[in-house]
Amino acid sequence: MSVTMTPAAAERVQSFMVNRGKGLGLRLGIKTTGCSGLAYVLEFVDDLNEDDNVFDIENVKIIIDTKSLVYLDGIELDFVKEGLNEGFKFTNPNAKGECGCGESFNV
């Protein structure tokens, strides 16, 4: 199982963690929603769950539960700035399609 993160994404997560002042890392997961069925979820983690997998990437801990990891194996997390917009970008080799707005995906 693999998860990667670009230096830009790692820098952004590290700055969020410093500003927050606590936490183990960042949870990357999925939830059922949207036009295509699945959406990405990012949230801070203060305590690990029993089914969590921890990936230490660029000095950032990315935590993914076992259920989500099936859909996220091989994903790359990036942080991009395009004009006035900025945000995390997910490159997921398991995604077969995305909705028109880019908020959800299917496998």
N, C-alpha and C. Protein backbone atom coordinates (compact mmCIF):
# COMPACT_ATOMS: atom_id res chain seq x y z
N MET A 1 0.85 -1.17 0.00
CA MET A 1 0.00 0.00 0.00
C MET A 1 0.90 1.24 0.00
N SER A 2 0.53 2.21 -0.81
CA SER A 2 1.35 3.41 -0.85
C SER A 2 0.49 4.67 -0.94
N VAL A 3 1.02 5.71 -0.37
CA VAL A 3 0.44 7.05 -0.41
C VAL A 3 1.61 8.00 -0.56
N THR A 4 1.48 9.01 -1.42
CA THR A 4 2.55 9.99 -1.58
C THR A 4 1.99 11.40 -1.42
N MET A 5 2.90 12.31 -1.16
CA MET A 5 2.54 13.71 -0.96
C MET A 5 3.63 14.57 -1.56
N THR A 6 3.25 15.61 -2.26
CA THR A 6 4.24 16.52 -2.82
C THR A 6 4.80 17.41 -1.72
N PRO A 7 5.98 17.98 -1.94
CA PRO A 7 6.53 18.91 -0.95
C PRO A 7 5.59 20.10 -0.66
N ALA A 8 4.88 20.57 -1.69
CA ALA A 8 3.94 21.69 -1.48
C ALA A 8 2.81 21.30 -0.54
N ALA A 9 2.29 20.09 -0.68
CA ALA A 9 1.23 19.62 0.20
C ALA A 9 1.76 19.42 1.61
N ALA A 10 2.95 18.85 1.73
CA ALA A 10 3.54 18.63 3.05
C ALA A 10 3.76 19.95 3.78
N GLU A 11 4.25 20.94 3.07
CA GLU A 11 4.48 22.26 3.66
C GLU A 11 3.17 22.87 4.16
N ARG A 12 2.12 22.73 3.37
CA ARG A 12 0.82 23.28 3.76
C ARG A 12 0.25 22.57 4.98
N VAL A 13 0.33 21.25 5.01
CA VAL A 13 -0.17 20.49 6.16
C VAL A 13 0.64 20.84 7.40
N GLN A 14 1.96 20.94 7.26
CA GLN A 14 2.80 21.30 8.40
C GLN A 14 2.42 22.66 8.96
N SER A 15 2.14 23.63 8.10
CA SER A 15 1.75 24.96 8.58
C SER A 15 0.39 24.91 9.29
N PHE A 16 -0.54 24.11 8.78
CA PHE A 16 -1.83 23.93 9.46
C PHE A 16 -1.63 23.33 10.85
N MET A 17 -0.75 22.33 10.94
CA MET A 17 -0.51 21.65 12.21
C MET A 17 0.13 22.61 13.22
N VAL A 18 1.07 23.43 12.76
CA VAL A 18 1.71 24.41 13.65
C VAL A 18 0.68 25.42 14.14
N ASN A 19 -0.14 25.92 13.24
CA ASN A 19 -1.18 26.89 13.61
C ASN A 19 -2.19 26.28 14.58
N ARG A 20 -2.49 25.03 14.41
CA ARG A 20 -3.45 24.33 15.27
C ARG A 20 -2.84 24.08 16.65
N GLY A 21 -1.55 23.81 16.70
CA GLY A 21 -0.86 23.65 17.97
C GLY A 21 -0.95 22.27 18.60
N LYS A 22 -1.63 21.34 17.96
CA LYS A 22 -1.72 19.98 18.49
C LYS A 22 -2.13 19.04 17.37
N GLY A 23 -2.06 17.75 17.65
CA GLY A 23 -2.51 16.76 16.68
C GLY A 23 -1.41 15.83 16.24
N LEU A 24 -1.83 14.63 15.83
CA LEU A 24 -0.89 13.62 15.36
C LEU A 24 -0.60 13.74 13.87
N GLY A 25 -1.60 14.18 13.11
CA GLY A 25 -1.44 14.26 11.67
C GLY A 25 -2.74 14.59 10.99
N LEU A 26 -2.83 14.21 9.73
CA LEU A 26 -3.99 14.53 8.90
C LEU A 26 -4.64 13.23 8.42
N ARG A 27 -5.95 13.13 8.65
CA ARG A 27 -6.70 11.97 8.17
C ARG A 27 -7.16 12.23 6.74
N LEU A 28 -6.88 11.26 5.88
CA LEU A 28 -7.39 11.26 4.52
C LEU A 28 -8.35 10.10 4.43
N GLY A 29 -9.57 10.38 4.05
CA GLY A 29 -10.57 9.32 3.97
C GLY A 29 -11.55 9.60 2.86
N ILE A 30 -12.58 8.78 2.82
CA ILE A 30 -13.65 8.95 1.83
C ILE A 30 -14.99 8.90 2.54
N LYS A 31 -15.97 9.48 1.89
CA LYS A 31 -17.35 9.36 2.36
C LYS A 31 -18.24 9.22 1.14
N THR A 32 -19.39 8.62 1.34
CA THR A 32 -20.35 8.44 0.26
C THR A 32 -21.15 9.72 0.12
N THR A 33 -21.05 10.34 -1.04
CA THR A 33 -21.74 11.61 -1.29
C THR A 33 -21.54 12.04 -2.74
N GLY A 34 -22.18 13.10 -3.12
CA GLY A 34 -21.94 13.74 -4.41
C GLY A 34 -22.55 13.02 -5.60
N CYS A 35 -22.29 13.60 -6.76
CA CYS A 35 -22.84 13.10 -8.01
C CYS A 35 -22.27 11.73 -8.40
N SER A 36 -20.99 11.52 -8.09
CA SER A 36 -20.32 10.30 -8.54
C SER A 36 -20.23 9.21 -7.48
N GLY A 37 -20.59 9.51 -6.24
CA GLY A 37 -20.64 8.47 -5.23
C GLY A 37 -19.70 8.60 -4.06
N LEU A 38 -18.44 9.03 -4.28
CA LEU A 38 -17.45 9.12 -3.21
C LEU A 38 -16.79 10.49 -3.22
N ALA A 39 -16.45 10.98 -2.03
CA ALA A 39 -15.74 12.27 -1.91
C ALA A 39 -14.61 12.11 -0.91
N TYR A 40 -13.57 12.92 -1.09
CA TYR A 40 -12.44 12.89 -0.19
C TYR A 40 -12.76 13.69 1.07
N VAL A 41 -12.20 13.24 2.20
CA VAL A 41 -12.35 13.91 3.48
C VAL A 41 -10.97 14.13 4.06
N LEU A 42 -10.70 15.37 4.50
CA LEU A 42 -9.46 15.70 5.19
C LEU A 42 -9.83 16.26 6.55
N GLU A 43 -9.20 15.74 7.62
CA GLU A 43 -9.45 16.26 8.96
C GLU A 43 -8.24 15.99 9.84
N PHE A 44 -8.08 16.81 10.86
CA PHE A 44 -7.00 16.61 11.81
C PHE A 44 -7.26 15.40 12.67
N VAL A 45 -6.18 14.74 13.11
CA VAL A 45 -6.29 13.55 13.96
C VAL A 45 -5.57 13.83 15.27
N ASP A 46 -6.30 13.65 16.37
CA ASP A 46 -5.71 13.77 17.70
C ASP A 46 -5.46 12.41 18.32
N ASP A 47 -6.27 11.41 17.97
CA ASP A 47 -6.15 10.06 18.50
C ASP A 47 -6.32 9.06 17.36
N LEU A 48 -5.50 8.02 17.36
CA LEU A 48 -5.60 6.99 16.34
C LEU A 48 -6.73 6.02 16.67
N ASN A 49 -7.36 5.51 15.64
CA ASN A 49 -8.35 4.45 15.77
C ASN A 49 -7.66 3.10 15.55
N GLU A 50 -8.30 2.05 15.97
CA GLU A 50 -7.73 0.71 15.86
C GLU A 50 -7.43 0.31 14.42
N ASP A 51 -8.25 0.75 13.47
CA ASP A 51 -8.08 0.33 12.08
C ASP A 51 -7.32 1.36 11.23
N ASP A 52 -6.58 2.28 11.86
CA ASP A 52 -5.84 3.29 11.13
C ASP A 52 -4.51 2.77 10.61
N ASN A 53 -4.16 3.22 9.41
CA ASN A 53 -2.85 2.99 8.81
C ASN A 53 -2.14 4.34 8.80
N VAL A 54 -0.90 4.39 9.25
CA VAL A 54 -0.16 5.65 9.34
C VAL A 54 0.98 5.64 8.33
N PHE A 55 1.02 6.69 7.52
CA PHE A 55 2.08 6.88 6.53
C PHE A 55 2.84 8.14 6.92
N ASP A 56 4.14 8.02 7.14
CA ASP A 56 4.97 9.17 7.49
C ASP A 56 5.63 9.65 6.20
N ILE A 57 5.15 10.78 5.70
CA ILE A 57 5.60 11.30 4.41
C ILE A 57 6.04 12.75 4.59
N GLU A 58 7.26 13.05 4.21
CA GLU A 58 7.77 14.43 4.28
C GLU A 58 7.57 15.02 5.68
N ASN A 59 7.78 14.21 6.72
CA ASN A 59 7.61 14.63 8.12
C ASN A 59 6.17 14.97 8.48
N VAL A 60 5.24 14.42 7.74
CA VAL A 60 3.81 14.57 8.02
C VAL A 60 3.21 13.18 8.13
N LYS A 61 2.39 12.98 9.13
CA LYS A 61 1.69 11.70 9.28
C LYS A 61 0.33 11.80 8.57
N ILE A 62 0.14 10.93 7.58
CA ILE A 62 -1.14 10.81 6.90
C ILE A 62 -1.78 9.54 7.43
N ILE A 63 -2.99 9.68 7.96
CA ILE A 63 -3.69 8.56 8.58
C ILE A 63 -4.89 8.20 7.72
N ILE A 64 -4.98 6.91 7.36
CA ILE A 64 -6.08 6.42 6.52
C ILE A 64 -6.64 5.16 7.15
N ASP A 65 -7.96 5.13 7.35
CA ASP A 65 -8.57 3.93 7.90
C ASP A 65 -8.56 2.82 6.84
N THR A 66 -8.64 1.58 7.30
CA THR A 66 -8.51 0.42 6.41
C THR A 66 -9.57 0.42 5.31
N LYS A 67 -10.81 0.80 5.64
CA LYS A 67 -11.87 0.82 4.64
C LYS A 67 -11.56 1.81 3.51
N SER A 68 -11.09 3.00 3.87
CA SER A 68 -10.77 4.02 2.87
C SER A 68 -9.53 3.67 2.06
N LEU A 69 -8.57 2.97 2.68
CA LEU A 69 -7.31 2.67 2.01
C LEU A 69 -7.52 1.84 0.75
N VAL A 70 -8.54 1.02 0.71
CA VAL A 70 -8.84 0.23 -0.48
C VAL A 70 -9.07 1.15 -1.68
N TYR A 71 -9.71 2.30 -1.46
CA TYR A 71 -10.01 3.25 -2.52
C TYR A 71 -8.89 4.27 -2.74
N LEU A 72 -7.98 4.40 -1.77
CA LEU A 72 -6.96 5.45 -1.82
C LEU A 72 -5.54 4.94 -2.05
N ASP A 73 -5.37 3.63 -2.16
CA ASP A 73 -4.04 3.07 -2.37
C ASP A 73 -3.42 3.67 -3.64
N GLY A 74 -2.22 4.23 -3.51
CA GLY A 74 -1.53 4.82 -4.65
C GLY A 74 -1.81 6.30 -4.85
N ILE A 75 -2.62 6.91 -4.00
CA ILE A 75 -3.01 8.31 -4.17
C ILE A 75 -1.84 9.24 -3.92
N GLU A 76 -1.84 10.37 -4.62
CA GLU A 76 -0.87 11.44 -4.37
C GLU A 76 -1.65 12.68 -3.95
N LEU A 77 -1.24 13.26 -2.84
CA LEU A 77 -1.85 14.49 -2.33
C LEU A 77 -0.94 15.65 -2.71
N ASP A 78 -1.50 16.66 -3.35
CA ASP A 78 -0.75 17.84 -3.78
C ASP A 78 -1.49 19.08 -3.29
N PHE A 79 -0.79 20.20 -3.23
CA PHE A 79 -1.42 21.48 -2.92
C PHE A 79 -1.09 22.41 -4.07
N VAL A 80 -2.12 22.96 -4.70
CA VAL A 80 -1.92 23.78 -5.90
C VAL A 80 -2.55 25.15 -5.73
N LYS A 81 -1.92 26.12 -6.39
CA LYS A 81 -2.46 27.48 -6.47
C LYS A 81 -2.67 27.79 -7.94
N GLU A 82 -3.89 28.14 -8.28
CA GLU A 82 -4.23 28.48 -9.66
C GLU A 82 -4.98 29.81 -9.63
N GLY A 83 -4.26 30.88 -9.96
CA GLY A 83 -4.87 32.20 -9.88
C GLY A 83 -5.21 32.54 -8.45
N LEU A 84 -6.47 32.88 -8.19
CA LEU A 84 -6.91 33.21 -6.84
C LEU A 84 -7.33 31.98 -6.05
N ASN A 85 -7.39 30.83 -6.72
CA ASN A 85 -7.83 29.59 -6.06
C ASN A 85 -6.64 28.78 -5.59
N GLU A 86 -6.80 28.16 -4.45
CA GLU A 86 -5.79 27.24 -3.95
C GLU A 86 -6.48 26.13 -3.18
N GLY A 87 -5.85 24.95 -3.19
CA GLY A 87 -6.43 23.84 -2.46
C GLY A 87 -5.69 22.55 -2.72
N PHE A 88 -6.12 21.52 -2.02
CA PHE A 88 -5.52 20.21 -2.18
C PHE A 88 -6.05 19.54 -3.43
N LYS A 89 -5.15 18.85 -4.12
CA LYS A 89 -5.50 18.12 -5.34
C LYS A 89 -5.17 16.66 -5.10
N PHE A 90 -6.08 15.78 -5.49
CA PHE A 90 -5.92 14.35 -5.30
C PHE A 90 -5.72 13.68 -6.65
N THR A 91 -4.62 12.95 -6.79
CA THR A 91 -4.39 12.15 -7.98
C THR A 91 -4.52 10.70 -7.55
N ASN A 92 -5.67 10.12 -7.89
CA ASN A 92 -6.02 8.79 -7.41
C ASN A 92 -6.08 7.81 -8.58
N PRO A 93 -5.16 6.85 -8.63
CA PRO A 93 -5.17 5.89 -9.74
C PRO A 93 -6.38 4.95 -9.72
N ASN A 94 -7.11 4.91 -8.62
CA ASN A 94 -8.29 4.04 -8.50
C ASN A 94 -9.56 4.70 -9.03
N ALA A 95 -9.55 6.03 -9.17
CA ALA A 95 -10.74 6.75 -9.62
C ALA A 95 -10.95 6.50 -11.11
N LYS A 96 -12.14 6.04 -11.45
CA LYS A 96 -12.48 5.78 -12.86
C LYS A 96 -13.16 6.97 -13.51
N GLY A 97 -13.72 7.85 -12.67
CA GLY A 97 -14.37 9.04 -13.20
C GLY A 97 -14.65 10.03 -12.09
N GLU A 98 -14.88 11.29 -12.48
CA GLU A 98 -15.21 12.34 -11.54
C GLU A 98 -16.45 13.07 -12.03
N CYS A 99 -17.14 13.70 -11.11
CA CYS A 99 -18.30 14.50 -11.51
C CYS A 99 -17.79 15.79 -12.18
N GLY A 100 -18.65 16.51 -12.83
CA GLY A 100 -18.27 17.71 -13.55
C GLY A 100 -17.67 18.79 -12.66
N CYS A 101 -18.12 18.89 -11.43
CA CYS A 101 -17.60 19.92 -10.52
C CYS A 101 -16.31 19.48 -9.83
N GLY A 102 -15.94 18.20 -9.94
CA GLY A 102 -14.71 17.71 -9.34
C GLY A 102 -14.79 17.42 -7.86
N GLU A 103 -15.98 17.47 -7.30
CA GLU A 103 -16.14 17.24 -5.85
C GLU A 103 -16.25 15.78 -5.47
N SER A 104 -16.58 14.91 -6.41
CA SER A 104 -16.73 13.49 -6.08
C SER A 104 -16.17 12.64 -7.21
N PHE A 105 -15.98 11.35 -6.88
CA PHE A 105 -15.40 10.42 -7.86
C PHE A 105 -16.05 9.05 -7.71
N ASN A 106 -15.78 8.17 -8.68
CA ASN A 106 -16.23 6.80 -8.58
C ASN A 106 -15.09 5.86 -8.93
N VAL A 107 -15.23 4.60 -8.49
CA VAL A 107 -14.19 3.60 -8.74
C VAL A 107 -14.76 2.44 -9.53
